[in-house]
Structure formats: C-alpha cells, structure tokens
C-alpha cells in the first residue's frame, strides 16, 4: 500500500547541526574503540567531542597498565580516524563526556613537556579550514593519564 497525506510532515537533518554531528560521530566512536583496543586492550571509552564537531577531537579513557599506554592509545586513535586532529587520553575514572572532568584531568595530571606530542605535516580532514590548500595539518596527542609510579591516591579528587 502507498500512504499519502495532503500536508505531509517532513523530518530532515540540517547539515552542520547537532543532530548531523552526532549521527556522524557516534558510529565512528564504536569503530575507533574496536581499533584502539588492538593496541591498548584496556581502552574503556571513546568520545568525539561536540566542540570538535563530533569529528575532529576525541577523548579516550583507558585503564593504564604500562607507561606509554596513553601515547599509544592516542596514536591508535589518530590512526583509527584519519580526520581526527586531537586525541586526549585520560584515565578511566574521568567521564569523557564531561568537559569539566576532562579539563580537571588536564589541569591536575598533565605535564605538557612530557604528555603532549605534536605530529606535523600529516593529512587531515577536508572539514578543517585551518589546514589550507595543502591538505596537510598538525595533529596532537595529550596524555593526561596518571604516571604509574605516582600512584592513584595522589590524584584523587578531594572536593
């Protein structure tokens, strides 16, 4: 049967709107999680941030077992999603969907000279206007995980 109506109600997705961004990002998160697990099996969550257009920035939560796991997870995230420009890696006690939690991890667990890796001259996303005509961009990994030798108790929230 064919149903029709004189005054139909149309549902459409506006390009660039939040619904469009979420529909692009959510399936990518699941795909990235699977790929990152090949490198760091203890990855718990992957979240493509709304501020990064649900496409260019990710937060990855891991249970760190070895030094280097944070950077390895960040590299795996960049490899899993070639459009990704920034991967922030946090411990699994951080809510990856809460920007305040992520910023708290950056403020209290990161030493930039040790935890930030910048990779220059790599192919990026056509959706990134900052890369210019060359199509090349810089990407970065921020490892905001607790150093294993420091112990978790030194980095717990008290307020």
Protein backbone atom coordinates (compact mmCIF):
# COMPACT_ATOMS: atom_id res chain seq x y z
CA UNK A 1 0.00 0.00 0.00
CA UNK A 2 1.01 3.56 -0.57
CA UNK A 3 0.06 6.10 2.05
CA UNK A 4 -0.01 9.80 1.38
CA UNK A 5 -1.15 12.93 3.04
CA UNK A 6 -2.09 16.35 1.73
CA UNK A 7 0.06 18.26 4.21
CA UNK A 8 2.96 15.94 5.00
CA UNK A 9 5.30 16.39 7.94
CA UNK A 10 8.91 16.17 6.86
CA UNK A 11 11.81 15.29 9.07
CA UNK A 12 15.18 16.29 7.80
CA UNK A 13 18.65 16.66 9.16
CA UNK A 14 20.19 20.08 8.75
CA UNK A 15 23.82 19.85 7.64
CA UNK A 16 26.17 21.03 10.34
CA UNK A 17 23.51 20.86 13.05
CA UNK A 18 24.00 18.97 16.31
CA UNK A 19 21.89 16.03 15.11
CA UNK A 20 24.06 15.73 11.99
CA UNK A 21 27.23 15.87 14.09
CA UNK A 22 26.00 13.17 16.46
CA UNK A 23 24.90 10.90 13.64
CA UNK A 24 28.37 11.23 12.11
CA UNK A 25 30.29 10.80 15.34
CA UNK A 26 28.56 8.03 17.30
CA UNK A 27 29.21 5.22 14.78
CA UNK A 28 32.81 6.44 14.44
CA UNK A 29 33.31 6.17 18.21
CA UNK A 30 32.40 2.47 18.17
CA UNK A 31 34.69 1.84 15.21
CA UNK A 32 37.56 3.69 16.89
CA UNK A 33 37.07 1.79 20.16
CA UNK A 34 37.47 -1.51 18.35
CA UNK A 35 40.61 -0.38 16.52
CA UNK A 36 42.26 1.24 19.57
CA UNK A 37 41.69 -2.00 21.55
CA UNK A 38 44.09 -3.73 19.16
CA UNK A 39 46.87 -1.50 20.54
CA UNK A 40 45.68 -0.81 24.10
CA UNK A 41 43.28 -3.59 25.19
CA UNK A 42 42.28 -1.69 28.34
CA UNK A 43 40.62 1.21 26.48
CA UNK A 44 37.22 1.85 28.08
CA UNK A 45 35.57 4.73 26.18
CA UNK A 46 35.98 6.89 23.11
CA UNK A 47 34.07 10.15 22.75
CA UNK A 48 34.15 12.56 19.81
CA UNK A 49 33.53 15.93 21.44
CA UNK A 50 30.76 18.31 20.43
CA UNK A 51 33.27 21.19 20.49
CA UNK A 52 35.35 19.27 17.95
CA UNK A 53 32.30 18.96 15.66
CA UNK A 54 31.90 15.30 16.75
CA UNK A 55 34.64 14.60 14.21
CA UNK A 56 37.97 16.37 14.85
CA UNK A 57 38.62 15.93 18.61
CA UNK A 58 38.38 12.78 20.73
CA UNK A 59 38.71 11.89 24.38
CA UNK A 60 39.84 8.32 25.08
CA UNK A 61 39.60 6.72 28.53
CA UNK A 62 41.95 3.86 29.36
CA UNK A 63 42.97 1.76 32.33
CA UNK A 64 46.70 2.35 32.22
CA UNK A 65 48.77 -0.79 32.75
CA UNK A 66 52.15 0.37 31.40
CA UNK A 67 53.90 3.68 30.90
CA UNK A 68 53.37 4.64 27.27
CA UNK A 69 49.80 3.29 27.12
CA UNK A 70 48.42 6.84 26.97
CA UNK A 71 50.52 7.87 23.99
CA UNK A 72 49.92 4.51 22.27
CA UNK A 73 46.16 4.96 22.69
CA UNK A 74 46.43 8.48 21.25
CA UNK A 75 48.41 7.27 18.24
CA UNK A 76 45.92 4.45 17.69
CA UNK A 77 43.03 6.95 17.85
CA UNK A 78 44.67 9.15 15.19
CA UNK A 79 45.26 6.08 13.01
CA UNK A 80 41.70 4.79 13.53
CA UNK A 81 40.11 8.05 12.40
CA UNK A 82 42.29 9.93 9.88
CA UNK A 83 40.21 13.12 10.21
CA UNK A 84 40.97 13.31 13.93
CA UNK A 85 43.12 16.29 14.86
CA UNK A 86 43.42 15.91 18.65
CA UNK A 87 43.29 12.89 20.93
CA UNK A 88 43.15 13.48 24.68
CA UNK A 89 43.80 10.32 26.69
CA UNK A 90 42.60 10.15 30.30
CA UNK A 91 42.26 7.51 32.99
CA UNK A 92 39.02 5.55 33.23
CA UNK A 93 37.90 7.45 36.35
CA UNK A 94 37.30 10.52 34.13
CA UNK A 95 33.91 10.98 32.42
CA UNK A 96 34.92 11.52 28.79
CA UNK A 97 31.60 13.23 28.01
CA UNK A 98 32.03 15.82 30.76
CA UNK A 99 34.30 18.68 29.61
CA UNK A 100 34.85 19.75 33.23
CA UNK A 101 36.15 16.28 34.15
CA UNK A 102 38.45 16.25 31.12
CA UNK A 103 39.76 19.73 31.89
CA UNK A 104 40.31 18.70 35.51
CA UNK A 105 42.44 15.77 34.29
CA UNK A 106 44.41 18.15 32.08
CA UNK A 107 44.92 20.58 34.97
CA UNK A 108 45.96 18.01 37.57
CA UNK A 109 47.54 15.08 35.71
CA UNK A 110 49.37 16.58 32.74
CA UNK A 111 52.88 17.96 32.47
CA UNK A 112 52.88 19.37 28.90
CA UNK A 113 56.60 18.80 28.31
CA UNK A 114 56.06 15.07 28.91
CA UNK A 115 52.46 14.47 27.87
CA UNK A 116 51.95 16.44 24.65
CA UNK A 117 53.02 15.04 21.28
CA UNK A 118 52.67 17.15 18.11
CA UNK A 119 52.82 15.48 14.71
CA UNK A 120 53.34 17.91 11.82
CA UNK A 121 52.78 17.59 8.10
CA UNK A 122 50.11 14.89 8.12
CA UNK A 123 46.95 14.58 6.11
CA UNK A 124 43.87 15.89 7.85
CA UNK A 125 40.16 16.36 7.33
CA UNK A 126 38.64 18.25 4.44
CA UNK A 127 36.28 19.67 7.08
CA UNK A 128 39.16 21.50 8.81
CA UNK A 129 39.51 25.00 7.35
CA UNK A 130 42.78 25.64 9.20
CA UNK A 131 44.82 23.25 7.06
CA UNK A 132 44.77 25.48 3.98
CA UNK A 133 45.26 24.40 0.39
CA UNK A 134 47.94 21.78 1.04
CA UNK A 135 45.60 19.41 2.85
CA UNK A 136 48.31 18.93 5.48
CA UNK A 137 47.83 19.69 9.13
CA UNK A 138 49.32 19.09 12.55
CA UNK A 139 47.78 16.64 14.99
CA UNK A 140 48.37 16.28 18.67
CA UNK A 141 48.07 13.77 21.44
CA UNK A 142 47.61 14.83 25.04
CA UNK A 143 48.39 12.09 27.54
CA UNK A 144 46.64 13.19 30.74
CA UNK A 145 46.94 9.83 32.49
CA UNK A 146 48.39 9.35 35.96
CA UNK A 147 52.07 8.31 35.98
CA UNK A 148 52.14 4.75 37.33
CA UNK A 149 54.96 5.41 39.79
CA UNK A 150 52.96 8.25 41.39
CA UNK A 151 50.04 6.10 42.48
CA UNK A 152 46.35 6.78 42.05
CA UNK A 153 45.78 8.15 45.57
CA UNK A 154 47.86 11.25 44.86
CA UNK A 155 45.49 12.15 42.01
CA UNK A 156 42.04 11.53 43.52
CA UNK A 157 39.57 14.37 43.86
CA UNK A 158 39.03 15.54 47.38
CA UNK A 159 36.43 18.20 46.64
